[in-house]
Amino acid sequence: MNDVLVIGAGAGGGAAAYALCRAGLTVTLLDAGPTYDPAIDYRLDEPDWESPFPAKVPSEIFYTMAQLQELSSEHDDLRSWNHITGRWNPGPRRLSSGYHHVRGVGGSTLHYTGEAHRLHPRALRVASLTGSGTDWPIDYEALEPFYAEAERIVGVAGIAEPSRPRSAPYPQPPHPPGYASQALRRGFDRLGLSTSPNSLAILSEARGTRPPCNGCNGCLRGCPIGDKGSADVTFIRQALATGRCTIRPDCEALLLETGTDDRITGLVVAEGGVRRRLTAPYIVLAAGAVQTPRLLLNSAGPAAPEGVANESGEVGRNFMETLVWTSSALHPDNLGSHRGRPVDMITWDLNAPDAVPGHAGGFRFGPAQAESDLVGPIAYATRVVAGWGADHKRRMRESFGRVLSVAGLCESFPHPGSRVDLAEELDAHGLPKPRIHSHLDDAAIERIRFMARTCRSILEGAGAGAIFEELGTYDLFSSTHVFGTCRMGADPAASVVDPWCRSHRWRNLSILDASVFPSSGGGESPALTIQALALRAARRIAAR
């Protein structure tokens, strides 16, 4: 029996396994999905490279969506559309285009763009500053040394940003913005917004066996050469090197067993078609903000009638999603916008929670050709250039590499209508699947409107032509970043875990994923914060 069972091998589970093994503990790291071999599984050199991430397990079958809200004609300017195909959602209600995550060792870091962001220090006090949302029970200074440690382990390339104090420089020099981003910068300049190289978990210089980035812009499809700092090639690889970590892929956690002394006594898993019972003195749950509450709620029993760690009734509540807007247009110059790194430039000017008058919560903006999947000829032929035949081929040659996309992401606040609960639909093991509820209130819709106006203005200022496509979360639920379903807090009556991410009641259970976030931040990518929280909590677990 190992010292610690870690459930979920993504950003949080991988970082926790690394820190616990380095502290001398033995760890079993299990994941419901398979392993991926970058050199074999991510074949961006093949003719079908433009296909989506090569998921070995279709993640969409492991959750369900509740019916989403009705749309209003007064917000028709926020409908997603394309100049060839029309509205992406022609119906009267919001539609789901998915909770975009990867089930496998490495989790969603396998297909993320490598953005490695520290939260703005003021974002941790969003409620105190704006009256909306919830403050964190810890401050930026408590996280800072662990941010620095996570950056060192994954090899983050970046440049110091004044609003986020640092104890050490970035371990790698920044990636210079590509030619397309330099063109886009003119649009930011017109609005008086400063830009800087984005901080990326993508090597700008060789490190050990990992080479520097080759600028293929394929991060979302998996990195075949290993320069992107996904959890499998960084934290998990180093955990394995200690000799104290065992990985069990394709091992799905089904139920937590509870004892009478406020301890988790066992974990029931499905592995190789067989149910097994695993035990360890300590349990770390890092399955993400959808599957983590699902496991806790499914584990209800005599000692935990409302679900494990749900004494406050907060498990599954306070769900926060990705709020985003993207506008795309053709630029008159050949920018080579199909190459480089997906989000190589960013503005933090509007990122503080009180930075934009009239809006609670922060915003960030940057280029989005890759995240819009507008980097290959198939996308151009179906979404950018209409028609067929010789004229279509000619216009394809003229247009390729000229797309400019700009995206905004913003704060997402909890709403009573947004939560994760258990569905009537059962999975292959006879257990209820998680069900995602999502509701956008008027304030959220107005934040989306602000992003839409800003993105359109940036493209105009950059000299781009007419916009040919826009995508937003007003009419489409489409989330990569999800948060908040097991929030952290000092008050056991209003939270699920304490400021060290340990269950208020269950003495040998910690939760180390984005479900513990009390707030989402102003558009920052959450991976680095998840890793910093996991490193901080693992030190506490090892000390105990």
Protein backbone atom coordinates (compact mmCIF):
# COMPACT_ATOMS: atom_id res chain seq x y z
CA MET A 1 0.00 0.00 0.00
CA ASN A 2 1.35 3.40 -0.98
CA ASP A 3 1.16 6.48 1.22
CA VAL A 4 -1.11 8.52 -1.04
CA LEU A 5 -3.70 7.77 -3.72
CA VAL A 6 -3.97 10.62 -6.26
CA ILE A 7 -7.13 10.53 -8.37
CA GLY A 8 -6.62 12.32 -11.67
CA ALA A 9 -3.32 12.82 -13.51
CA GLY A 10 -3.82 16.34 -14.85
CA ALA A 11 -2.37 19.66 -13.71
CA GLY A 12 -3.27 19.23 -10.04
CA GLY A 13 -2.75 15.49 -9.69
CA GLY A 14 0.52 15.56 -11.58
CA ALA A 15 1.91 18.42 -9.47
CA ALA A 16 0.76 16.77 -6.25
CA ALA A 17 2.36 13.44 -7.19
CA TYR A 18 5.64 15.21 -7.98
CA ALA A 19 5.75 17.12 -4.68
CA LEU A 20 4.70 14.16 -2.54
CA CYS A 21 7.29 11.86 -4.13
CA ARG A 22 9.99 14.49 -3.73
CA ALA A 23 9.07 14.66 -0.05
CA GLY A 24 9.73 10.92 0.29
CA LEU A 25 6.18 9.56 0.15
CA THR A 26 5.03 6.78 -2.16
CA VAL A 27 2.19 7.64 -4.52
CA THR A 28 -0.26 5.76 -6.72
CA LEU A 29 -1.39 8.13 -9.48
CA LEU A 30 -4.48 6.89 -11.26
CA ASP A 31 -6.42 8.29 -14.17
CA ALA A 32 -9.63 7.21 -15.87
CA GLY A 33 -8.00 7.67 -19.27
CA PRO A 34 -5.04 6.18 -21.15
CA THR A 35 -1.45 7.30 -21.57
CA TYR A 36 -0.30 9.25 -24.64
CA ASP A 37 3.04 8.92 -26.41
CA PRO A 38 3.80 12.30 -28.03
CA ALA A 39 5.98 10.85 -30.79
CA ILE A 40 3.35 8.28 -31.79
CA ASP A 41 -0.02 9.83 -30.95
CA TYR A 42 0.47 13.43 -32.14
CA ARG A 43 1.22 12.99 -35.84
CA LEU A 44 1.18 16.56 -37.04
CA ASP A 45 3.34 15.43 -39.97
CA GLU A 46 0.49 13.36 -41.45
CA PRO A 47 -1.98 14.53 -44.15
CA ASP A 48 -4.83 14.55 -41.60
CA TRP A 49 -2.94 16.78 -39.14
CA GLU A 50 -5.83 19.23 -39.13
CA SER A 51 -8.03 16.75 -37.26
CA PRO A 52 -8.86 17.61 -33.62
CA PHE A 53 -6.81 16.34 -30.68
CA PRO A 54 -6.57 12.54 -31.15
CA ALA A 55 -8.55 11.62 -28.04
CA LYS A 56 -8.42 7.90 -27.37
CA VAL A 57 -11.53 8.17 -25.21
CA PRO A 58 -14.43 10.46 -26.23
CA SER A 59 -14.78 12.71 -23.18
CA GLU A 60 -18.27 13.89 -24.10
CA ILE A 61 -19.83 10.54 -23.16
CA PHE A 62 -18.88 10.99 -19.50
CA TYR A 63 -21.16 13.93 -18.68
CA THR A 64 -24.56 15.33 -19.66
CA MET A 65 -25.93 18.84 -20.12
CA ALA A 66 -29.12 20.23 -18.62
CA GLN A 67 -31.36 22.30 -20.87
CA LEU A 68 -29.85 25.75 -21.30
CA GLN A 69 -31.57 29.12 -21.16
CA GLU A 70 -33.66 30.81 -23.83
CA LEU A 71 -32.03 33.46 -26.01
CA SER A 72 -33.39 36.96 -26.49
CA SER A 73 -33.65 38.87 -29.76
CA GLU A 74 -32.26 41.96 -28.01
CA HIS A 75 -28.89 40.18 -27.93
CA ASP A 76 -28.84 39.11 -31.57
CA ASP A 77 -25.57 40.99 -32.03
CA LEU A 78 -23.99 38.43 -29.70
CA ARG A 79 -25.04 35.36 -31.71
CA SER A 80 -22.24 33.19 -33.11
CA TRP A 81 -22.11 33.23 -36.90
CA ASN A 82 -20.07 32.54 -40.01
CA HIS A 83 -20.41 34.33 -43.34
CA ILE A 84 -20.77 31.02 -45.24
CA THR A 85 -22.85 28.83 -42.95
CA GLY A 86 -24.85 31.44 -41.03
CA ARG A 87 -25.62 31.11 -37.33
CA TRP A 88 -23.77 28.37 -35.47
CA ASN A 89 -26.83 28.04 -33.27
CA PRO A 90 -30.02 28.88 -35.18
CA GLY A 91 -32.32 27.79 -32.35
CA PRO A 92 -34.05 29.71 -29.54
CA ARG A 93 -31.89 28.34 -26.69
CA ARG A 94 -28.22 28.22 -25.84
CA LEU A 95 -26.60 25.07 -27.17
CA SER A 96 -23.64 23.13 -25.84
CA SER A 97 -20.63 22.66 -28.06
CA GLY A 98 -18.89 20.89 -25.23
CA TYR A 99 -16.87 20.83 -22.07
CA HIS A 100 -13.51 20.49 -23.76
CA HIS A 101 -11.17 18.33 -21.72
CA VAL A 102 -8.94 15.31 -22.25
CA ARG A 103 -9.37 12.08 -20.36
CA GLY A 104 -5.86 10.68 -19.99
CA VAL A 105 -2.54 10.91 -18.16
CA GLY A 106 -1.69 14.60 -18.44
CA GLY A 107 -5.34 15.66 -18.50
CA SER A 108 -6.30 18.79 -20.36
CA THR A 109 -2.69 20.02 -20.34
CA LEU A 110 -2.25 17.57 -23.24
CA HIS A 111 -4.26 19.87 -25.51
CA TYR A 112 -3.90 23.27 -23.86
CA THR A 113 -2.02 26.11 -25.54
CA GLY A 114 0.57 26.31 -22.77
CA GLU A 115 -0.63 29.57 -21.23
CA ALA A 116 0.94 29.77 -17.75
CA HIS A 117 -0.66 32.64 -15.84
CA ARG A 118 -0.48 33.84 -12.29
CA LEU A 119 -3.76 35.26 -11.03
CA HIS A 120 -3.82 39.01 -10.60
CA PRO A 121 -3.30 39.66 -6.84
CA ARG A 122 -6.47 41.78 -6.74
CA ALA A 123 -8.47 38.93 -8.31
CA LEU A 124 -8.16 37.07 -5.01
CA ARG A 125 -10.14 39.93 -3.38
CA VAL A 126 -12.78 40.28 -6.07
CA ALA A 127 -15.71 40.46 -3.63
CA SER A 128 -14.06 43.09 -1.44
CA LEU A 129 -13.25 45.23 -4.49
CA THR A 130 -16.45 44.83 -6.53
CA GLY A 131 -19.16 43.40 -4.28
CA SER A 132 -19.51 40.42 -6.63
CA GLY A 133 -18.26 36.87 -6.23
CA THR A 134 -16.20 35.50 -3.35
CA ASP A 135 -12.78 36.36 -1.94
CA TRP A 136 -10.11 33.70 -1.64
CA PRO A 137 -9.09 32.71 1.92
CA ILE A 138 -5.42 33.11 0.92
CA ASP A 139 -3.54 35.97 -0.70
CA TYR A 140 -1.12 36.23 -3.60
CA GLU A 141 1.89 36.17 -1.29
CA ALA A 142 0.90 32.71 -0.05
CA LEU A 143 0.90 31.41 -3.63
CA GLU A 144 3.91 33.29 -5.02
CA PRO A 145 6.72 30.86 -4.06
CA PHE A 146 4.71 27.97 -5.45
CA TYR A 147 4.02 29.85 -8.68
CA ALA A 148 7.79 30.25 -9.01
CA GLU A 149 8.37 26.56 -8.34
CA ALA A 150 5.75 25.48 -10.89
CA GLU A 151 7.24 27.82 -13.50
CA ARG A 152 10.66 26.30 -12.92
CA ILE A 153 9.44 22.72 -13.22
CA VAL A 154 7.52 23.18 -16.47
CA GLY A 155 9.94 25.71 -17.97
CA VAL A 156 7.79 28.81 -18.44
CA ALA A 157 8.97 31.44 -20.92
CA GLY A 158 7.85 34.98 -20.16
CA ILE A 159 8.56 38.52 -19.17
CA ALA A 160 7.88 40.10 -15.78
CA GLU A 161 4.48 41.79 -15.50
CA PRO A 162 4.37 44.67 -12.96
CA SER A 163 1.02 43.79 -11.41
CA ARG A 164 2.26 40.33 -10.40
CA PRO A 165 5.31 40.63 -8.07
CA ARG A 166 7.94 37.93 -8.52
CA SER A 167 10.59 36.38 -6.30
CA ALA A 168 12.56 35.09 -9.30
CA PRO A 169 12.70 35.78 -13.04
CA TYR A 170 11.03 33.47 -15.51
CA PRO A 171 13.20 30.39 -16.12
CA GLN A 172 13.07 30.89 -19.89
CA PRO A 173 13.26 34.05 -22.03
CA PRO A 174 9.96 35.12 -23.66
CA HIS A 175 8.85 34.04 -27.10
CA PRO A 176 8.75 37.08 -29.40
CA PRO A 177 5.29 37.76 -30.85
CA GLY A 178 4.95 36.56 -34.45
CA TYR A 179 4.32 38.76 -37.46
CA ALA A 180 0.54 38.29 -37.21
CA SER A 181 0.55 39.42 -33.58
CA GLN A 182 2.70 42.40 -34.48
CA ALA A 183 0.03 43.42 -36.99
CA LEU A 184 -2.68 42.86 -34.40
CA ARG A 185 -0.75 45.00 -31.92
CA ARG A 186 -1.63 48.08 -33.99
CA GLY A 187 -5.26 47.48 -33.06
CA PHE A 188 -4.42 47.31 -29.38
CA ASP A 189 -2.36 50.47 -29.70
CA ARG A 190 -5.33 52.32 -31.25
CA LEU A 191 -7.35 51.50 -28.12
CA GLY A 192 -4.53 52.54 -25.80
CA LEU A 193 -3.95 48.97 -24.62
CA SER A 194 -0.39 47.82 -23.97
CA THR A 195 0.69 44.32 -24.99
CA SER A 196 3.51 42.00 -23.97
CA PRO A 197 4.72 38.49 -24.78
CA ASN A 198 2.43 35.94 -23.15
CA SER A 199 3.84 33.69 -20.42
CA LEU A 200 3.89 30.19 -21.88
CA ALA A 201 4.80 26.73 -20.63
CA ILE A 202 6.55 26.28 -23.98
CA LEU A 203 10.34 26.15 -24.12
CA SER A 204 12.11 28.98 -25.88
CA GLU A 205 15.44 27.24 -25.21
CA ALA A 206 16.35 23.55 -25.06
CA ARG A 207 16.07 21.98 -21.63
CA GLY A 208 17.37 18.47 -20.99
CA THR A 209 15.76 16.15 -23.52
CA ARG A 210 13.10 18.72 -24.41
CA PRO A 211 13.84 20.88 -27.48
CA PRO A 212 12.73 24.49 -27.99
CA CYS A 213 9.40 25.15 -29.70
CA ASN A 214 9.45 24.83 -33.50
CA GLY A 215 6.53 27.24 -34.00
CA CYS A 216 4.16 24.73 -35.62
CA ASN A 217 1.12 26.28 -33.87
CA GLY A 218 -0.23 22.80 -33.17
CA CYS A 219 -0.43 22.89 -29.36
CA LEU A 220 -4.16 22.13 -29.29
CA ARG A 221 -3.54 18.89 -31.21
CA GLY A 222 -0.83 17.65 -28.84
CA CYS A 223 2.88 18.52 -28.88
CA PRO A 224 4.84 15.80 -30.71
CA ILE A 225 8.33 17.03 -29.73
CA GLY A 226 7.77 17.68 -26.02
CA ASP A 227 8.60 21.38 -25.77
CA LYS A 228 5.15 22.15 -24.34
CA GLY A 229 5.10 21.65 -20.59
CA SER A 230 2.11 19.34 -20.28
CA ALA A 231 1.84 17.48 -16.98
CA ASP A 232 2.97 14.14 -18.41
CA VAL A 233 6.37 15.39 -19.64
CA THR A 234 7.06 17.59 -16.61
CA PHE A 235 5.61 16.83 -13.18
CA ILE A 236 4.68 13.20 -13.84
CA ARG A 237 7.95 12.37 -15.59
CA GLN A 238 9.86 13.77 -12.62
CA ALA A 239 7.62 11.95 -10.13
CA LEU A 240 8.36 8.67 -11.90
CA ALA A 241 12.09 9.43 -11.80
CA THR A 242 11.99 9.33 -7.98
CA GLY A 243 11.05 5.65 -8.07
CA ARG A 244 8.22 6.36 -5.62
CA CYS A 245 5.36 6.89 -8.11
CA THR A 246 3.19 4.23 -9.73
CA ILE A 247 0.83 5.20 -12.54
CA ARG A 248 -2.40 3.30 -13.15
CA PRO A 249 -4.00 4.55 -16.39
CA ASP A 250 -7.47 3.43 -17.49
CA CYS A 251 -8.37 3.15 -13.81
CA GLU A 252 -11.64 4.95 -13.11
CA ALA A 253 -12.55 6.07 -9.60
CA LEU A 254 -16.15 5.11 -8.82
CA LEU A 255 -16.82 5.53 -5.10
CA LEU A 256 -15.09 6.78 -1.96
CA GLU A 257 -15.67 4.64 1.12
CA THR A 258 -16.00 6.38 4.48
CA GLY A 259 -15.39 5.29 8.06
CA THR A 260 -16.73 6.44 11.40
CA ASP A 261 -13.66 8.48 12.35
CA ASP A 262 -13.96 11.12 9.61
CA ARG A 263 -11.51 9.32 7.36
CA ILE A 264 -11.76 7.95 3.84
CA THR A 265 -11.16 4.22 4.21
CA GLY A 266 -11.03 3.10 0.59
CA LEU A 267 -11.59 3.83 -3.06
CA VAL A 268 -13.56 1.61 -5.42
CA VAL A 269 -12.22 1.71 -8.97
CA ALA A 270 -12.96 0.04 -12.29
CA GLU A 271 -9.80 -1.29 -13.92
CA GLY A 272 -9.55 -3.79 -16.74
CA GLY A 273 -13.27 -4.51 -16.56
CA VAL A 274 -13.02 -5.44 -12.89
CA ARG A 275 -14.02 -3.53 -9.76
CA ARG A 276 -11.21 -3.25 -7.24
CA ARG A 277 -10.77 -1.64 -3.85
CA LEU A 278 -7.70 0.51 -3.25
CA THR A 279 -6.56 1.93 0.08
CA ALA A 280 -4.02 4.47 1.27
CA PRO A 281 -3.58 6.62 4.38
CA TYR A 282 -4.25 9.77 2.35
CA ILE A 283 -6.42 10.57 -0.68
CA VAL A 284 -5.90 13.46 -3.13
CA LEU A 285 -8.82 14.10 -5.47
CA ALA A 286 -7.91 15.99 -8.65
CA ALA A 287 -10.47 14.92 -11.23
CA GLY A 288 -11.57 18.42 -12.30
CA ALA A 289 -14.52 20.67 -11.55
CA VAL A 290 -17.02 18.30 -13.19
CA GLN A 291 -15.85 14.80 -12.24
CA THR A 292 -14.66 15.71 -8.73
CA PRO A 293 -18.13 16.74 -7.47
CA ARG A 294 -19.60 13.76 -9.29
CA LEU A 295 -17.40 11.32 -7.34
CA LEU A 296 -18.17 13.05 -4.03
CA LEU A 297 -21.93 13.07 -4.62
CA ASN A 298 -21.99 9.47 -5.87
CA SER A 299 -20.19 8.42 -2.67
CA ALA A 300 -23.10 9.28 -0.40
CA GLY A 301 -23.64 6.78 2.41
CA PRO A 302 -24.63 6.48 6.08
CA ALA A 303 -21.64 8.54 7.22
CA ALA A 304 -22.13 11.11 4.46
CA PRO A 305 -25.81 11.13 3.48
CA GLU A 306 -25.49 14.16 1.18
CA GLY A 307 -22.21 13.05 -0.35
CA VAL A 308 -18.62 13.03 0.84
CA ALA A 309 -17.32 16.48 1.89
CA ASN A 310 -20.79 17.95 1.28
CA GLU A 311 -21.59 18.89 4.86
CA SER A 312 -22.06 22.50 3.71
CA GLY A 313 -24.23 21.53 0.74
CA GLU A 314 -21.78 23.35 -1.53
CA VAL A 315 -20.44 20.38 -3.54
CA GLY A 316 -21.39 20.98 -7.18
CA ARG A 317 -22.50 24.56 -6.60
CA ASN A 318 -20.73 27.80 -7.63
CA PHE A 319 -19.89 26.39 -11.06
CA MET A 320 -18.02 28.91 -13.20
CA GLU A 321 -17.39 28.47 -16.92
CA THR A 322 -15.34 29.97 -19.73
CA LEU A 323 -16.82 33.26 -20.94
CA VAL A 324 -15.24 34.15 -24.26
CA TRP A 325 -15.74 36.14 -27.46
CA THR A 326 -13.74 35.75 -30.68
CA SER A 327 -13.89 37.82 -33.87
CA SER A 328 -12.03 36.86 -37.07
CA ALA A 329 -11.25 38.80 -40.25
CA LEU A 330 -8.86 38.74 -43.21
CA HIS A 331 -5.95 41.14 -43.20
CA PRO A 332 -4.71 42.63 -46.51
CA ASP A 333 -1.14 41.48 -45.80
CA ASN A 334 0.16 37.91 -45.87
CA LEU A 335 0.87 37.48 -42.17
CA GLY A 336 1.69 33.78 -42.02
CA SER A 337 -0.85 33.61 -39.23
CA HIS A 338 -1.04 29.82 -39.45
CA ARG A 339 2.36 29.45 -37.75
CA GLY A 340 4.03 30.42 -34.47
CA ARG A 341 2.51 29.87 -31.04
CA PRO A 342 -1.23 29.99 -30.39
CA VAL A 343 -1.41 32.90 -27.92
CA ASP A 344 1.97 34.61 -28.11
CA MET A 345 0.80 38.08 -27.06
CA ILE A 346 -1.56 39.40 -24.40
CA THR A 347 -2.82 42.55 -22.74
CA TRP A 348 -3.25 42.63 -18.97
CA ASP A 349 -4.43 46.27 -18.85
CA LEU A 350 -8.05 45.32 -18.13
CA ASN A 351 -7.34 42.25 -16.02
CA ALA A 352 -7.85 43.58 -12.48
CA PRO A 353 -11.37 42.92 -11.16
CA ASP A 354 -12.14 46.64 -10.95
CA ALA A 355 -10.30 47.74 -14.10
CA VAL A 356 -13.33 48.38 -16.35
CA PRO A 357 -15.93 50.87 -15.09
CA GLY A 358 -19.40 49.41 -15.04
CA HIS A 359 -18.19 45.80 -14.98
CA ALA A 360 -17.22 43.63 -12.02
CA GLY A 361 -14.40 41.27 -12.87
CA GLY A 362 -11.41 41.44 -15.18
CA PHE A 363 -10.78 40.85 -18.88
CA ARG A 364 -7.86 39.82 -21.05
CA PHE A 365 -7.42 39.88 -24.83
CA GLY A 366 -5.03 38.26 -27.28
CA PRO A 367 -4.65 36.59 -30.69
CA ALA A 368 -6.76 33.50 -31.35
CA GLN A 369 -6.13 32.03 -34.80
CA ALA A 370 -5.14 28.63 -33.39
CA GLU A 371 -7.79 28.59 -30.68
CA SER A 372 -10.35 29.37 -33.40
CA ASP A 373 -8.88 26.47 -35.41
CA LEU A 374 -8.12 28.74 -38.36
CA VAL A 375 -4.60 27.53 -39.12
CA GLY A 376 -5.15 24.92 -41.85
CA PRO A 377 -6.50 24.72 -45.41
CA ILE A 378 -9.60 22.71 -44.48
CA ALA A 379 -10.72 25.43 -42.08
CA TYR A 380 -10.06 28.09 -44.71
CA ALA A 381 -11.96 26.14 -47.36
CA THR A 382 -15.04 25.65 -45.19
CA ARG A 383 -15.15 28.82 -43.05
CA VAL A 384 -13.11 31.56 -44.74
CA VAL A 385 -13.41 31.22 -48.54
CA ALA A 386 -16.79 30.42 -50.05
CA GLY A 387 -17.38 28.67 -53.36
CA TRP A 388 -15.86 25.84 -55.35
CA GLY A 389 -13.62 25.10 -58.31
CA ALA A 390 -10.74 27.05 -59.85
CA ASP A 391 -11.86 30.42 -58.51
CA HIS A 392 -12.13 28.97 -55.01
CA LYS A 393 -8.60 27.54 -55.29
CA ARG A 394 -7.26 30.90 -56.44
CA ARG A 395 -8.88 32.76 -53.56
CA MET A 396 -7.66 30.09 -51.13
CA ARG A 397 -4.07 30.77 -52.23
CA GLU A 398 -4.60 34.49 -51.86
CA SER A 399 -6.20 34.18 -48.41
CA PHE A 400 -4.18 31.52 -46.64
CA GLY A 401 -2.17 32.91 -43.71
CA ARG A 402 -4.06 36.21 -43.66
CA VAL A 403 -6.64 35.44 -40.97
CA LEU A 404 -6.47 37.57 -37.85
CA SER A 405 -8.52 36.45 -34.86
CA VAL A 406 -8.74 38.22 -31.52
CA ALA A 407 -10.34 36.78 -28.39
CA GLY A 408 -11.41 38.09 -25.04
CA LEU A 409 -11.88 36.05 -21.85
CA CYS A 410 -13.38 37.45 -18.67
CA GLU A 411 -14.44 36.78 -15.11
CA SER A 412 -17.17 34.20 -14.54
CA PHE A 413 -19.21 34.62 -11.37
CA PRO A 414 -21.22 31.90 -9.59
CA HIS A 415 -24.96 31.83 -10.25
CA PRO A 416 -27.59 29.62 -8.57
CA GLY A 417 -28.51 28.29 -12.02
CA SER A 418 -24.95 27.16 -12.74
CA ARG A 419 -23.95 23.95 -10.99
CA VAL A 420 -22.98 20.30 -11.41
CA ASP A 421 -25.31 17.64 -10.06
CA LEU A 422 -26.11 14.00 -10.76
CA ALA A 423 -28.13 13.10 -13.84
CA GLU A 424 -30.71 10.36 -14.24
CA GLU A 425 -28.53 8.94 -17.02
CA LEU A 426 -26.17 6.21 -15.80
CA ASP A 427 -22.68 5.37 -16.97
CA ALA A 428 -21.29 1.95 -17.90
CA HIS A 429 -20.85 1.15 -14.20
CA GLY A 430 -24.45 1.94 -13.29
CA LEU A 431 -23.61 5.23 -11.58
CA PRO A 432 -25.18 8.63 -12.36
CA LYS A 433 -23.22 10.82 -14.73
CA PRO A 434 -22.47 14.43 -13.82
CA ARG A 435 -24.86 16.98 -15.29
CA ILE A 436 -23.73 20.53 -16.08
CA HIS A 437 -26.18 23.40 -15.59
CA SER A 438 -25.21 26.79 -16.97
CA HIS A 439 -26.99 30.13 -16.74
CA LEU A 440 -25.74 33.55 -17.84
CA ASP A 441 -27.23 36.51 -15.99
CA ASP A 442 -27.50 40.03 -17.40
CA ALA A 443 -24.12 41.07 -16.01
CA ALA A 444 -22.40 38.13 -17.70
CA ILE A 445 -24.07 38.96 -21.01
CA GLU A 446 -22.90 42.57 -20.72
CA ARG A 447 -19.34 41.41 -20.11
CA ILE A 448 -19.59 39.34 -23.30
CA ARG A 449 -20.88 42.44 -25.10
CA PHE A 450 -17.90 44.45 -23.88
CA MET A 451 -15.55 41.77 -25.21
CA ALA A 452 -17.36 41.72 -28.55
CA ARG A 453 -17.05 45.49 -28.98
CA THR A 454 -13.40 45.43 -27.95
CA CYS A 455 -12.46 42.56 -30.29
CA ARG A 456 -14.18 44.25 -33.23
CA SER A 457 -12.39 47.51 -32.49
CA ILE A 458 -9.01 45.78 -32.23
CA LEU A 459 -9.43 44.17 -35.65
CA GLU A 460 -10.52 47.47 -37.17
CA GLY A 461 -7.52 49.25 -35.67
CA ALA A 462 -5.20 46.53 -36.97
CA GLY A 463 -6.32 47.26 -40.54
CA ALA A 464 -8.24 44.01 -41.04
CA GLY A 465 -11.10 43.76 -43.50
CA ALA A 466 -14.70 42.80 -42.82
CA ILE A 467 -15.26 40.28 -40.06
CA PHE A 468 -16.25 36.86 -41.48
CA GLU A 469 -16.89 34.91 -38.26
CA GLU A 470 -17.67 35.47 -34.60
CA LEU A 471 -18.04 32.98 -31.78
CA GLY A 472 -19.18 33.65 -28.23
CA THR A 473 -20.63 32.00 -25.16
CA TYR A 474 -23.88 33.97 -25.20
CA ASP A 475 -25.50 31.34 -27.41
CA LEU A 476 -22.95 28.49 -27.12
CA PHE A 477 -21.77 26.79 -23.95
CA SER A 478 -18.16 25.99 -24.82
CA SER A 479 -15.82 25.60 -21.85
CA THR A 480 -12.25 24.50 -21.42
CA HIS A 481 -11.77 26.24 -18.06
CA VAL A 482 -14.35 25.29 -15.42
CA PHE A 483 -14.13 26.14 -11.73
CA GLY A 484 -15.69 26.36 -8.33
CA THR A 485 -17.75 23.25 -7.56
CA CYS A 486 -15.81 22.45 -4.34
CA ARG A 487 -14.79 25.94 -3.29
CA MET A 488 -12.08 26.70 -0.77
CA GLY A 489 -12.87 28.82 2.28
CA ALA A 490 -12.28 29.39 5.96
CA ASP A 491 -15.95 28.87 6.90
CA PRO A 492 -16.98 25.18 6.84
CA ALA A 493 -20.62 26.21 6.44
CA ALA A 494 -19.93 27.98 3.12
CA SER A 495 -17.13 25.94 1.55
CA VAL A 496 -15.94 22.40 0.87
CA VAL A 497 -12.21 22.57 1.66
CA ASP A 498 -10.09 24.73 3.93
CA PRO A 499 -7.40 27.22 2.81
CA TRP A 500 -4.97 24.28 2.40
CA CYS A 501 -7.47 22.46 0.16
CA ARG A 502 -8.24 19.79 2.76
CA SER A 503 -11.80 18.72 3.44
CA HIS A 504 -13.21 20.50 6.48
CA ARG A 505 -14.43 17.17 7.85
CA TRP A 506 -12.56 14.31 6.21
CA ARG A 507 -9.06 14.38 7.69
CA ASN A 508 -7.29 12.42 4.95
CA LEU A 509 -8.92 13.99 1.87
CA SER A 510 -7.61 16.96 -0.14
CA ILE A 511 -9.01 18.35 -3.40
CA LEU A 512 -6.41 19.79 -5.77
CA ASP A 513 -8.01 20.98 -8.99
CA ALA A 514 -9.90 24.05 -10.24
CA SER A 515 -13.03 23.00 -8.37
CA VAL A 516 -11.55 24.67 -5.26
CA PHE A 517 -11.29 28.13 -6.92
CA PRO A 518 -13.55 30.65 -5.11
CA SER A 519 -13.38 32.88 -8.21
CA SER A 520 -12.28 32.39 -11.80
CA GLY A 521 -9.93 35.34 -12.24
CA GLY A 522 -10.11 37.81 -15.09
CA GLY A 523 -9.43 35.46 -17.97
CA GLU A 524 -6.19 33.88 -16.75
CA SER A 525 -5.55 30.30 -17.77
CA PRO A 526 -5.90 28.26 -14.55
CA ALA A 527 -3.24 25.53 -15.01
CA LEU A 528 -0.40 27.34 -13.22
CA THR A 529 -2.63 28.28 -10.27
CA ILE A 530 -3.85 24.68 -9.97
CA GLN A 531 -0.22 23.52 -9.91
CA ALA A 532 0.79 26.15 -7.35
CA LEU A 533 -2.11 25.17 -5.07
CA ALA A 534 -1.16 21.50 -5.42
CA LEU A 535 2.50 22.13 -4.59
CA ARG A 536 1.50 24.19 -1.55
CA ALA A 537 -0.99 21.60 -0.30
CA ALA A 538 1.37 18.67 -0.93
CA ARG A 539 4.00 20.25 1.31
CA ARG A 540 1.40 20.41 4.10
CA ILE A 541 0.29 16.80 3.51
CA ALA A 542 3.90 15.56 3.62
CA ALA A 543 4.59 17.52 6.81
CA ARG A 544 1.62 15.87 8.50
